[in-house]
Amino acid sequence: AVPSSVDSIPSSAMQEDHVSMGWAAARKLRRAVDGLAQVVAVELLAAARALDLRAPFAPAPATGAVRDRLRAEVAGPGPDRWLAPEIGAAAGLVASGELLAAAESMTGPLR
């Protein structure tokens, strides 16, 4: 989360700085966006599990559509298992915008 500008070292008595930090900033942004997709994916998996535990109560239409789209890729409750593939699949759905599209199919545009 440190700005790339702090990595820039001025030279010539603070008169010049020819080092472009744009590439480093873009790489940091990519890592941050990927990390955010992972966090949102874990939150969605936890929320979907919470909805499963609330059965027979039905969620709101948009929430149900997102949960159903997630469940098409990621299995619901079951035995203990390695969760990394499920988190990766959920992160892929977040990054691709498919879960947003599932919600928008019920609500209309959300952007």
PDB file of N, CA and C in Angstrom:
ATOM      1  N   ALA A   1       0.809  -1.188   0.000  1.00  0.00           N
ATOM      2  CA  ALA A   1       0.000   0.000   0.000  1.00  0.00           C
ATOM      3  C   ALA A   1       0.855   1.256   0.000  1.00  0.00           C
ATOM      4  N   VAL A   2       2.150   1.099   0.001  1.00  0.00           N
ATOM      5  CA  VAL A   2       3.039   2.260  -0.016  1.00  0.00           C
ATOM      6  C   VAL A   2       3.056   2.843  -1.420  1.00  0.00           C
ATOM      7  N   PRO A   3       2.883   4.161  -1.575  1.00  0.00           N
ATOM      8  CA  PRO A   3       2.914   4.754  -2.907  1.00  0.00           C
ATOM      9  C   PRO A   3       4.256   4.542  -3.584  1.00  0.00           C
ATOM     10  N   SER A   4       4.238   4.338  -4.871  1.00  0.00           N
ATOM     11  CA  SER A   4       5.482   4.115  -5.606  1.00  0.00           C
ATOM     12  C   SER A   4       6.367   5.341  -5.607  1.00  0.00           C
ATOM     13  N   SER A   5       5.801   6.501  -5.409  1.00  0.00           N
ATOM     14  CA  SER A   5       6.593   7.732  -5.432  1.00  0.00           C
ATOM     15  C   SER A   5       7.633   7.771  -4.323  1.00  0.00           C
ATOM     16  N   VAL A   6       7.434   7.032  -3.235  1.00  0.00           N
ATOM     17  CA  VAL A   6       8.431   7.045  -2.163  1.00  0.00           C
ATOM     18  C   VAL A   6       9.671   6.253  -2.548  1.00  0.00           C
ATOM     19  N   ASP A   7       9.577   5.434  -3.590  1.00  0.00           N
ATOM     20  CA  ASP A   7      10.736   4.677  -4.052  1.00  0.00           C
ATOM     21  C   ASP A   7      11.599   5.482  -5.015  1.00  0.00           C
ATOM     22  N   SER A   8      11.150   6.648  -5.410  1.00  0.00           N
ATOM     23  CA  SER A   8      11.884   7.475  -6.353  1.00  0.00           C
ATOM     24  C   SER A   8      12.980   8.236  -5.608  1.00  0.00           C
ATOM     25  N   ILE A   9      14.168   8.228  -6.164  1.00  0.00           N
ATOM     26  CA  ILE A   9      15.305   8.887  -5.526  1.00  0.00           C
ATOM     27  C   ILE A   9      15.730  10.075  -6.383  1.00  0.00           C
ATOM     28  N   PRO A  10      15.536  11.295  -5.906  1.00  0.00           N
ATOM     29  CA  PRO A  10      15.972  12.447  -6.690  1.00  0.00           C
ATOM     30  C   PRO A  10      17.495  12.538  -6.730  1.00  0.00           C
ATOM     31  N   SER A  11      17.986  13.159  -7.760  1.00  0.00           N
ATOM     32  CA  SER A  11      19.434  13.318  -7.903  1.00  0.00           C
ATOM     33  C   SER A  11      19.753  14.761  -8.253  1.00  0.00           C
ATOM     34  N   SER A  12      20.996  15.093  -8.396  1.00  0.00           N
ATOM     35  CA  SER A  12      21.471  16.433  -8.756  1.00  0.00           C
ATOM     36  C   SER A  12      20.901  17.497  -7.822  1.00  0.00           C
ATOM     37  N   ALA A  13      21.122  17.307  -6.552  1.00  0.00           N
ATOM     38  CA  ALA A  13      20.701  18.277  -5.541  1.00  0.00           C
ATOM     39  C   ALA A  13      19.209  18.586  -5.641  1.00  0.00           C
ATOM     40  N   MET A  14      18.396  17.522  -5.767  1.00  0.00           N
ATOM     41  CA  MET A  14      16.940  17.626  -5.823  1.00  0.00           C
ATOM     42  C   MET A  14      16.441  18.336  -7.088  1.00  0.00           C
ATOM     43  N   GLN A  15      17.248  18.372  -8.138  1.00  0.00           N
ATOM     44  CA  GLN A  15      16.868  19.044  -9.369  1.00  0.00           C
ATOM     45  C   GLN A  15      16.308  18.084 -10.413  1.00  0.00           C
ATOM     46  N   GLU A  16      16.669  16.809 -10.343  1.00  0.00           N
ATOM     47  CA  GLU A  16      16.261  15.855 -11.369  1.00  0.00           C
ATOM     48  C   GLU A  16      15.678  14.601 -10.733  1.00  0.00           C
ATOM     49  N   ASP A  17      14.788  14.000 -11.462  1.00  0.00           N
ATOM     50  CA  ASP A  17      14.268  12.690 -11.090  1.00  0.00           C
ATOM     51  C   ASP A  17      13.751  12.066 -12.377  1.00  0.00           C
ATOM     52  N   HIS A  18      14.587  11.296 -13.013  1.00  0.00           N
ATOM     53  CA  HIS A  18      14.227  10.705 -14.306  1.00  0.00           C
ATOM     54  C   HIS A  18      13.681   9.299 -14.170  1.00  0.00           C
ATOM     55  N   VAL A  19      13.495   8.838 -12.955  1.00  0.00           N
ATOM     56  CA  VAL A  19      13.036   7.473 -12.740  1.00  0.00           C
ATOM     57  C   VAL A  19      11.508   7.448 -12.772  1.00  0.00           C
ATOM     58  N   SER A  20      10.956   6.811 -13.760  1.00  0.00           N
ATOM     59  CA  SER A  20       9.506   6.692 -13.841  1.00  0.00           C
ATOM     60  C   SER A  20       9.044   5.554 -12.951  1.00  0.00           C
ATOM     61  N   MET A  21       8.113   5.841 -12.082  1.00  0.00           N
ATOM     62  CA  MET A  21       7.599   4.819 -11.174  1.00  0.00           C
ATOM     63  C   MET A  21       6.245   4.299 -11.657  1.00  0.00           C
ATOM     64  N   GLY A  22       5.857   4.669 -12.874  1.00  0.00           N
ATOM     65  CA  GLY A  22       4.565   4.244 -13.397  1.00  0.00           C
ATOM     66  C   GLY A  22       4.431   2.734 -13.484  1.00  0.00           C
ATOM     67  N   TRP A  23       5.466   2.056 -13.962  1.00  0.00           N
ATOM     68  CA  TRP A  23       5.413   0.607 -14.101  1.00  0.00           C
ATOM     69  C   TRP A  23       5.277  -0.061 -12.738  1.00  0.00           C
ATOM     70  N   ALA A  24       6.061   0.397 -11.765  1.00  0.00           N
ATOM     71  CA  ALA A  24       5.985  -0.179 -10.426  1.00  0.00           C
ATOM     72  C   ALA A  24       4.613   0.094  -9.806  1.00  0.00           C
ATOM     73  N   ALA A  25       4.068   1.281 -10.039  1.00  0.00           N
ATOM     74  CA  ALA A  25       2.744   1.602  -9.501  1.00  0.00           C
ATOM     75  C   ALA A  25       1.677   0.715 -10.121  1.00  0.00           C
ATOM     76  N   ALA A  26       1.780   0.473 -11.424  1.00  0.00           N
ATOM     77  CA  ALA A  26       0.802  -0.396 -12.090  1.00  0.00           C
ATOM     78  C   ALA A  26       0.888  -1.824 -11.559  1.00  0.00           C
ATOM     79  N   ARG A  27       2.087  -2.304 -11.298  1.00  0.00           N
ATOM     80  CA  ARG A  27       2.240  -3.654 -10.751  1.00  0.00           C
ATOM     81  C   ARG A  27       1.656  -3.751  -9.345  1.00  0.00           C
ATOM     82  N   LYS A  28       1.874  -2.708  -8.534  1.00  0.00           N
ATOM     83  CA  LYS A  28       1.286  -2.702  -7.192  1.00  0.00           C
ATOM     84  C   LYS A  28      -0.241  -2.673  -7.267  1.00  0.00           C
ATOM     85  N   LEU A  29      -0.768  -1.883  -8.200  1.00  0.00           N
ATOM     86  CA  LEU A  29      -2.221  -1.822  -8.361  1.00  0.00           C
ATOM     87  C   LEU A  29      -2.776  -3.182  -8.755  1.00  0.00           C
ATOM     88  N   ARG A  30      -2.120  -3.895  -9.661  1.00  0.00           N
ATOM     89  CA  ARG A  30      -2.578  -5.221 -10.086  1.00  0.00           C
ATOM     90  C   ARG A  30      -2.624  -6.163  -8.895  1.00  0.00           C
ATOM     91  N   ARG A  31      -1.578  -6.143  -8.062  1.00  0.00           N
ATOM     92  CA  ARG A  31      -1.559  -7.008  -6.880  1.00  0.00           C
ATOM     93  C   ARG A  31      -2.683  -6.643  -5.912  1.00  0.00           C
ATOM     94  N   ALA A  32      -2.946  -5.350  -5.761  1.00  0.00           N
ATOM     95  CA  ALA A  32      -4.006  -4.909  -4.862  1.00  0.00           C
ATOM     96  C   ALA A  32      -5.376  -5.341  -5.375  1.00  0.00           C
ATOM     97  N   VAL A  33      -5.607  -5.223  -6.676  1.00  0.00           N
ATOM     98  CA  VAL A  33      -6.892  -5.621  -7.254  1.00  0.00           C
ATOM     99  C   VAL A  33      -7.074  -7.137  -7.143  1.00  0.00           C
ATOM    100  N   ASP A  34      -6.021  -7.888  -7.392  1.00  0.00           N
ATOM    101  CA  ASP A  34      -6.105  -9.344  -7.244  1.00  0.00           C
ATOM    102  C   ASP A  34      -6.404  -9.727  -5.794  1.00  0.00           C
ATOM    103  N   GLY A  35      -5.758  -9.054  -4.863  1.00  0.00           N
ATOM    104  CA  GLY A  35      -6.015  -9.319  -3.448  1.00  0.00           C
ATOM    105  C   GLY A  35      -7.440  -8.987  -3.066  1.00  0.00           C
ATOM    106  N   LEU A  36      -7.958  -7.885  -3.604  1.00  0.00           N
ATOM    107  CA  LEU A  36      -9.345  -7.506  -3.331  1.00  0.00           C
ATOM    108  C   LEU A  36     -10.320  -8.549  -3.867  1.00  0.00           C
ATOM    109  N   ALA A  37     -10.040  -9.084  -5.052  1.00  0.00           N
ATOM    110  CA  ALA A  37     -10.903 -10.132  -5.614  1.00  0.00           C
ATOM    111  C   ALA A  37     -10.909 -11.360  -4.707  1.00  0.00           C
ATOM    112  N   GLN A  38      -9.766 -11.694  -4.134  1.00  0.00           N
ATOM    113  CA  GLN A  38      -9.691 -12.841  -3.218  1.00  0.00           C
ATOM    114  C   GLN A  38     -10.511 -12.574  -1.954  1.00  0.00           C
ATOM    115  N   VAL A  39     -10.413 -11.367  -1.414  1.00  0.00           N
ATOM    116  CA  VAL A  39     -11.156 -11.028  -0.191  1.00  0.00           C
ATOM    117  C   VAL A  39     -12.656 -11.062  -0.458  1.00  0.00           C
ATOM    118  N   VAL A  40     -13.081 -10.472  -1.569  1.00  0.00           N
ATOM    119  CA  VAL A  40     -14.507 -10.469  -1.908  1.00  0.00           C
ATOM    120  C   VAL A  40     -14.992 -11.908  -2.135  1.00  0.00           C
ATOM    121  N   ALA A  41     -14.157 -12.733  -2.753  1.00  0.00           N
ATOM    122  CA  ALA A  41     -14.536 -14.131  -2.989  1.00  0.00           C
ATOM    123  C   ALA A  41     -14.766 -14.870  -1.668  1.00  0.00           C
ATOM    124  N   VAL A  42     -13.877 -14.691  -0.718  1.00  0.00           N
ATOM    125  CA  VAL A  42     -14.032 -15.355   0.584  1.00  0.00           C
ATOM    126  C   VAL A  42     -15.293 -14.843   1.286  1.00  0.00           C
ATOM    127  N   GLU A  43     -15.550 -13.534   1.200  1.00  0.00           N
ATOM    128  CA  GLU A  43     -16.754 -12.975   1.797  1.00  0.00           C
ATOM    129  C   GLU A  43     -18.008 -13.564   1.150  1.00  0.00           C
ATOM    130  N   LEU A  44     -17.984 -13.716  -0.176  1.00  0.00           N
ATOM    131  CA  LEU A  44     -19.139 -14.293  -0.865  1.00  0.00           C
ATOM    132  C   LEU A  44     -19.346 -15.755  -0.498  1.00  0.00           C
ATOM    133  N   LEU A  45     -18.261 -16.501  -0.354  1.00  0.00           N
ATOM    134  CA  LEU A  45     -18.388 -17.898   0.057  1.00  0.00           C
ATOM    135  C   LEU A  45     -18.996 -17.999   1.456  1.00  0.00           C
ATOM    136  N   ALA A  46     -18.560 -17.128   2.352  1.00  0.00           N
ATOM    137  CA  ALA A  46     -19.113 -17.131   3.710  1.00  0.00           C
ATOM    138  C   ALA A  46     -20.588 -16.724   3.695  1.00  0.00           C
ATOM    139  N   ALA A  47     -20.922 -15.727   2.880  1.00  0.00           N
ATOM    140  CA  ALA A  47     -22.320 -15.293   2.795  1.00  0.00           C
ATOM    141  C   ALA A  47     -23.203 -16.380   2.194  1.00  0.00           C
ATOM    142  N   ALA A  48     -22.698 -17.077   1.178  1.00  0.00           N
ATOM    143  CA  ALA A  48     -23.472 -18.171   0.579  1.00  0.00           C
ATOM    144  C   ALA A  48     -23.706 -19.282   1.594  1.00  0.00           C
ATOM    145  N   ARG A  49     -22.697 -19.564   2.394  1.00  0.00           N
ATOM    146  CA  ARG A  49     -22.851 -20.592   3.436  1.00  0.00           C
ATOM    147  C   ARG A  49     -23.886 -20.143   4.470  1.00  0.00           C
ATOM    148  N   ALA A  50     -23.871 -18.868   4.822  1.00  0.00           N
ATOM    149  CA  ALA A  50     -24.852 -18.354   5.767  1.00  0.00           C
ATOM    150  C   ALA A  50     -26.259 -18.479   5.204  1.00  0.00           C
ATOM    151  N   LEU A  51     -26.416 -18.214   3.912  1.00  0.00           N
ATOM    152  CA  LEU A  51     -27.732 -18.381   3.283  1.00  0.00           C
ATOM    153  C   LEU A  51     -28.159 -19.842   3.300  1.00  0.00           C
ATOM    154  N   ASP A  52     -27.213 -20.749   3.097  1.00  0.00           N
ATOM    155  CA  ASP A  52     -27.530 -22.183   3.155  1.00  0.00           C
ATOM    156  C   ASP A  52     -28.031 -22.575   4.545  1.00  0.00           C
ATOM    157  N   LEU A  53     -27.437 -21.981   5.562  1.00  0.00           N
ATOM    158  CA  LEU A  53     -27.830 -22.309   6.933  1.00  0.00           C
ATOM    159  C   LEU A  53     -29.197 -21.735   7.294  1.00  0.00           C
ATOM    160  N   ARG A  54     -29.649 -20.732   6.548  1.00  0.00           N
ATOM    161  CA  ARG A  54     -30.943 -20.111   6.835  1.00  0.00           C
ATOM    162  C   ARG A  54     -32.111 -20.817   6.153  1.00  0.00           C
ATOM    163  N   ALA A  55     -31.862 -21.860   5.410  1.00  0.00           N
ATOM    164  CA  ALA A  55     -32.949 -22.592   4.746  1.00  0.00           C
ATOM    165  C   ALA A  55     -33.965 -23.014   5.804  1.00  0.00           C
ATOM    166  N   PRO A  56     -35.210 -22.932   5.529  1.00  0.00           N
ATOM    167  CA  PRO A  56     -35.940 -22.766   4.280  1.00  0.00           C
ATOM    168  C   PRO A  56     -36.231 -21.319   3.901  1.00  0.00           C
ATOM    169  N   PHE A  57     -35.684 -20.330   4.633  1.00  0.00           N
ATOM    170  CA  PHE A  57     -35.923 -18.939   4.275  1.00  0.00           C
ATOM    171  C   PHE A  57     -35.223 -18.622   2.959  1.00  0.00           C
ATOM    172  N   ALA A  58     -35.893 -17.877   2.111  1.00  0.00           N
ATOM    173  CA  ALA A  58     -35.337 -17.528   0.806  1.00  0.00           C
ATOM    174  C   ALA A  58     -34.712 -16.135   0.853  1.00  0.00           C
ATOM    175  N   PRO A  59     -33.562 -15.961   0.203  1.00  0.00           N
ATOM    176  CA  PRO A  59     -32.953 -14.630   0.154  1.00  0.00           C
ATOM    177  C   PRO A  59     -33.678 -13.736  -0.848  1.00  0.00           C
ATOM    178  N   ALA A  60     -33.302 -12.484  -0.888  1.00  0.00           N
ATOM    179  CA  ALA A  60     -33.832 -11.552  -1.886  1.00  0.00           C
ATOM    180  C   ALA A  60     -33.460 -12.066  -3.280  1.00  0.00           C
ATOM    181  N   PRO A  61     -34.214 -11.690  -4.304  1.00  0.00           N
ATOM    182  CA  PRO A  61     -33.957 -12.223  -5.654  1.00  0.00           C
ATOM    183  C   PRO A  61     -32.526 -12.020  -6.146  1.00  0.00           C
ATOM    184  N   ALA A  62     -31.962 -10.825  -5.976  1.00  0.00           N
ATOM    185  CA  ALA A  62     -30.597 -10.582  -6.455  1.00  0.00           C
ATOM    186  C   ALA A  62     -29.584 -11.405  -5.661  1.00  0.00           C
ATOM    187  N   THR A  63     -29.777 -11.468  -4.360  1.00  0.00           N
ATOM    188  CA  THR A  63     -28.879 -12.257  -3.511  1.00  0.00           C
ATOM    189  C   THR A  63     -28.955 -13.727  -3.883  1.00  0.00           C
ATOM    190  N   GLY A  64     -30.163 -14.223  -4.121  1.00  0.00           N
ATOM    191  CA  GLY A  64     -30.332 -15.615  -4.526  1.00  0.00           C
ATOM    192  C   GLY A  64     -29.701 -15.902  -5.870  1.00  0.00           C
ATOM    193  N   ALA A  65     -29.782 -14.944  -6.796  1.00  0.00           N
ATOM    194  CA  ALA A  65     -29.180 -15.139  -8.114  1.00  0.00           C
ATOM    195  C   ALA A  65     -27.662 -15.233  -8.013  1.00  0.00           C
ATOM    196  N   VAL A  66     -27.077 -14.388  -7.165  1.00  0.00           N
ATOM    197  CA  VAL A  66     -25.616 -14.445  -6.977  1.00  0.00           C
ATOM    198  C   VAL A  66     -25.230 -15.765  -6.325  1.00  0.00           C
ATOM    199  N   ARG A  67     -25.986 -16.170  -5.294  1.00  0.00           N
ATOM    200  CA  ARG A  67     -25.673 -17.439  -4.636  1.00  0.00           C
ATOM    201  C   ARG A  67     -25.813 -18.614  -5.604  1.00  0.00           C
ATOM    202  N   ASP A  68     -26.860 -18.607  -6.424  1.00  0.00           N
ATOM    203  CA  ASP A  68     -27.067 -19.700  -7.373  1.00  0.00           C
ATOM    204  C   ASP A  68     -25.948 -19.752  -8.410  1.00  0.00           C
ATOM    205  N   ARG A  69     -25.495 -18.581  -8.885  1.00  0.00           N
ATOM    206  CA  ARG A  69     -24.392 -18.551  -9.857  1.00  0.00           C
ATOM    207  C   ARG A  69     -23.113 -19.054  -9.207  1.00  0.00           C
ATOM    208  N   LEU A  70     -22.888 -18.678  -7.964  1.00  0.00           N
ATOM    209  CA  LEU A  70     -21.709 -19.152  -7.237  1.00  0.00           C
ATOM    210  C   LEU A  70     -21.776 -20.653  -7.033  1.00  0.00           C
ATOM    211  N   ARG A  71     -22.955 -21.156  -6.667  1.00  0.00           N
ATOM    212  CA  ARG A  71     -23.114 -22.592  -6.429  1.00  0.00           C
ATOM    213  C   ARG A  71     -22.980 -23.415  -7.712  1.00  0.00           C
ATOM    214  N   ALA A  72     -23.167 -22.806  -8.873  1.00  0.00           N
ATOM    215  CA  ALA A  72     -22.961 -23.522 -10.135  1.00  0.00           C
ATOM    216  C   ALA A  72     -21.484 -23.889 -10.320  1.00  0.00           C
ATOM    217  N   GLU A  73     -20.598 -23.113  -9.702  1.00  0.00           N
ATOM    218  CA  GLU A  73     -19.156 -23.356  -9.820  1.00  0.00           C
ATOM    219  C   GLU A  73     -18.553 -23.972  -8.563  1.00  0.00           C
ATOM    220  N   VAL A  74     -19.102 -23.593  -7.413  1.00  0.00           N
ATOM    221  CA  VAL A  74     -18.520 -23.988  -6.129  1.00  0.00           C
ATOM    222  C   VAL A  74     -19.566 -24.773  -5.344  1.00  0.00           C
ATOM    223  N   ALA A  75     -19.185 -25.958  -4.907  1.00  0.00           N
ATOM    224  CA  ALA A  75     -20.116 -26.811  -4.161  1.00  0.00           C
ATOM    225  C   ALA A  75     -20.499 -26.160  -2.839  1.00  0.00           C
ATOM    226  N   GLY A  76     -21.637 -26.522  -2.363  1.00  0.00           N
ATOM    227  CA  GLY A  76     -22.127 -26.014  -1.088  1.00  0.00           C
ATOM    228  C   GLY A  76     -21.539 -26.794   0.072  1.00  0.00           C
ATOM    229  N   PRO A  77     -22.263 -26.820   1.172  1.00  0.00           N
ATOM    230  CA  PRO A  77     -21.772 -27.507   2.363  1.00  0.00           C
ATOM    231  C   PRO A  77     -21.484 -28.974   2.078  1.00  0.00           C
ATOM    232  N   GLY A  78     -20.527 -29.490   2.786  1.00  0.00           N
ATOM    233  CA  GLY A  78     -20.157 -30.890   2.621  1.00  0.00           C
ATOM    234  C   GLY A  78     -19.045 -31.246   3.582  1.00  0.00           C
ATOM    235  N   PRO A  79     -18.332 -32.303   3.277  1.00  0.00           N
ATOM    236  CA  PRO A  79     -17.252 -32.734   4.167  1.00  0.00           C
ATOM    237  C   PRO A  79     -16.079 -31.745   4.114  1.00  0.00           C
ATOM    238  N   ASP A  80     -15.184 -31.884   5.085  1.00  0.00           N
ATOM    239  CA  ASP A  80     -13.980 -31.056   5.077  1.00  0.00           C
ATOM    240  C   ASP A  80     -13.225 -31.277   3.775  1.00  0.00           C
ATOM    241  N   ARG A  81     -12.701 -30.183   3.227  1.00  0.00           N
ATOM    242  CA  ARG A  81     -11.978 -30.278   1.968  1.00  0.00           C
ATOM    243  C   ARG A  81     -11.033 -29.093   1.842  1.00  0.00           C
ATOM    244  N   TRP A  82     -10.152 -29.181   0.869  1.00  0.00           N
ATOM    245  CA  TRP A  82      -9.217 -28.122   0.555  1.00  0.00           C
ATOM    246  C   TRP A  82      -9.999 -26.995  -0.107  1.00  0.00           C
ATOM    247  N   LEU A  83      -9.947 -25.782   0.440  1.00  0.00           N
ATOM    248  CA  LEU A  83     -10.781 -24.696  -0.046  1.00  0.00           C
ATOM    249  C   LEU A  83     -10.118 -23.808  -1.095  1.00  0.00           C
ATOM    250  N   ALA A  84      -8.831 -23.948  -1.310  1.00  0.00           N
ATOM    251  CA  ALA A  84      -8.135 -23.073  -2.268  1.00  0.00           C
ATOM    252  C   ALA A  84      -8.761 -23.123  -3.663  1.00  0.00           C
ATOM    253  N   PRO A  85      -9.116 -24.302  -4.202  1.00  0.00           N
ATOM    254  CA  PRO A  85      -9.745 -24.303  -5.524  1.00  0.00           C
ATOM    255  C   PRO A  85     -11.094 -23.584  -5.541  1.00  0.00           C
ATOM    256  N   GLU A  86     -11.855 -23.701  -4.467  1.00  0.00           N
ATOM    257  CA  GLU A  86     -13.147 -23.036  -4.400  1.00  0.00           C
ATOM    258  C   GLU A  86     -12.982 -21.526  -4.298  1.00  0.00           C
ATOM    259  N   ILE A  87     -12.010 -21.078  -3.515  1.00  0.00           N
ATOM    260  CA  ILE A  87     -11.738 -19.644  -3.416  1.00  0.00           C
ATOM    261  C   ILE A  87     -11.267 -19.113  -4.758  1.00  0.00           C
ATOM    262  N   GLY A  88     -10.429 -19.880  -5.451  1.00  0.00           N
ATOM    263  CA  GLY A  88      -9.958 -19.471  -6.770  1.00  0.00           C
ATOM    264  C   GLY A  88     -11.097 -19.363  -7.771  1.00  0.00           C
ATOM    265  N   ALA A  89     -12.021 -20.318  -7.736  1.00  0.00           N
ATOM    266  CA  ALA A  89     -13.169 -20.277  -8.647  1.00  0.00           C
ATOM    267  C   ALA A  89     -14.059 -19.083  -8.334  1.00  0.00           C
ATOM    268  N   ALA A  90     -14.277 -18.824  -7.051  1.00  0.00           N
ATOM    269  CA  ALA A  90     -15.098 -17.675  -6.661  1.00  0.00           C
ATOM    270  C   ALA A  90     -14.411 -16.370  -7.048  1.00  0.00           C
ATOM    271  N   ALA A  91     -13.102 -16.289  -6.868  1.00  0.00           N
ATOM    272  CA  ALA A  91     -12.364 -15.084  -7.264  1.00  0.00           C
ATOM    273  C   ALA A  91     -12.444 -14.875  -8.773  1.00  0.00           C
ATOM    274  N   GLY A  92     -12.420 -15.964  -9.529  1.00  0.00           N
ATOM    275  CA  GLY A  92     -12.575 -15.852 -10.978  1.00  0.00           C
ATOM    276  C   GLY A  92     -13.939 -15.307 -11.367  1.00  0.00           C
ATOM    277  N   LEU A  93     -14.970 -15.739 -10.658  1.00  0.00           N
ATOM    278  CA  LEU A  93     -16.321 -15.219 -10.923  1.00  0.00           C
ATOM    279  C   LEU A  93     -16.430 -13.738 -10.567  1.00  0.00           C
ATOM    280  N   VAL A  94     -15.758 -13.343  -9.491  1.00  0.00           N
ATOM    281  CA  VAL A  94     -15.757 -11.929  -9.106  1.00  0.00           C
ATOM    282  C   VAL A  94     -15.039 -11.102 -10.160  1.00  0.00           C
ATOM    283  N   ALA A  95     -13.847 -11.551 -10.538  1.00  0.00           N
ATOM    284  CA  ALA A  95     -13.030 -10.792 -11.489  1.00  0.00           C
ATOM    285  C   ALA A  95     -13.671 -10.714 -12.869  1.00  0.00           C
ATOM    286  N   SER A  96     -14.372 -11.756 -13.274  1.00  0.00           N
ATOM    287  CA  SER A  96     -14.985 -11.765 -14.604  1.00  0.00           C
ATOM    288  C   SER A  96     -16.261 -10.932 -14.669  1.00  0.00           C
ATOM    289  N   GLY A  97     -16.816 -10.607 -13.515  1.00  0.00           N
ATOM    290  CA  GLY A  97     -18.050  -9.831 -13.495  1.00  0.00           C
ATOM    291  C   GLY A  97     -19.306 -10.685 -13.585  1.00  0.00           C
ATOM    292  N   GLU A  98     -19.151 -12.002 -13.558  1.00  0.00           N
ATOM    293  CA  GLU A  98     -20.318 -12.877 -13.685  1.00  0.00           C
ATOM    294  C   GLU A  98     -21.263 -12.770 -12.493  1.00  0.00           C
ATOM    295  N   LEU A  99     -20.723 -12.577 -11.306  1.00  0.00           N
ATOM    296  CA  LEU A  99     -21.595 -12.449 -10.141  1.00  0.00           C
ATOM    297  C   LEU A  99     -22.327 -11.108 -10.161  1.00  0.00           C
ATOM    298  N   LEU A 100     -21.674 -10.072 -10.628  1.00  0.00           N
ATOM    299  CA  LEU A 100     -22.341  -8.788 -10.796  1.00  0.00           C
ATOM    300  C   LEU A 100     -23.459  -8.909 -11.831  1.00  0.00           C
ATOM    301  N   ALA A 101     -23.188  -9.629 -12.924  1.00  0.00           N
ATOM    302  CA  ALA A 101     -24.210  -9.832 -13.955  1.00  0.00           C
ATOM    303  C   ALA A 101     -25.401 -10.609 -13.398  1.00  0.00           C
ATOM    304  N   ALA A 102     -25.134 -11.580 -12.522  1.00  0.00           N
ATOM    305  CA  ALA A 102     -26.228 -12.344 -11.918  1.00  0.00           C
ATOM    306  C   ALA A 102     -27.110 -11.429 -11.072  1.00  0.00           C
ATOM    307  N   ALA A 103     -26.489 -10.539 -10.310  1.00  0.00           N
ATOM    308  CA  ALA A 103     -27.277  -9.599  -9.511  1.00  0.00           C
ATOM    309  C   ALA A 103     -28.039  -8.626 -10.404  1.00  0.00           C
ATOM    310  N   GLU A 104     -27.379  -8.144 -11.447  1.00  0.00           N
ATOM    311  CA  GLU A 104     -28.024  -7.186 -12.350  1.00  0.00           C
ATOM    312  C   GLU A 104     -29.160  -7.816 -13.149  1.00  0.00           C
ATOM    313  N   SER A 105     -29.133  -9.128 -13.300  1.00  0.00           N
ATOM    314  CA  SER A 105     -30.240  -9.794 -14.011  1.00  0.00           C
ATOM    315  C   SER A 105     -31.550  -9.649 -13.237  1.00  0.00           C
ATOM    316  N   MET A 106     -31.438  -9.398 -11.940  1.00  0.00           N
ATOM    317  CA  MET A 106     -32.613  -9.227 -11.101  1.00  0.00           C
ATOM    318  C   MET A 106     -32.938  -7.758 -10.809  1.00  0.00           C
ATOM    319  N   THR A 107     -31.898  -6.926 -10.755  1.00  0.00           N
ATOM    320  CA  THR A 107     -32.098  -5.549 -10.311  1.00  0.00           C
ATOM    321  C   THR A 107     -32.016  -4.521 -11.427  1.00  0.00           C
ATOM    322  N   GLY A 108     -31.409  -4.871 -12.531  1.00  0.00           N
ATOM    323  CA  GLY A 108     -31.074  -3.875 -13.533  1.00  0.00           C
ATOM    324  C   GLY A 108     -29.642  -3.402 -13.270  1.00  0.00           C
ATOM    325  N   PRO A 109     -29.184  -2.439 -14.050  1.00  0.00           N
ATOM    326  CA  PRO A 109     -27.778  -1.985 -13.896  1.00  0.00           C
ATOM    327  C   PRO A 109     -27.474  -1.458 -12.501  1.00  0.00           C
ATOM    328  N   LEU A 110     -26.332  -1.892 -11.964  1.00  0.00           N
ATOM    329  CA  LEU A 110     -25.900  -1.447 -10.643  1.00  0.00           C
ATOM    330  C   LEU A 110     -24.727  -0.476 -10.721  1.00  0.00           C
ATOM    331  N   ARG A 111     -24.234  -0.221 -11.906  1.00  0.00           N
ATOM    332  CA  ARG A 111     -23.072   0.672 -12.032  1.00  0.00           C
ATOM    333  C   ARG A 111     -23.493   2.068 -12.264  1.00  0.00           C
TER     334      ARG A 111
END
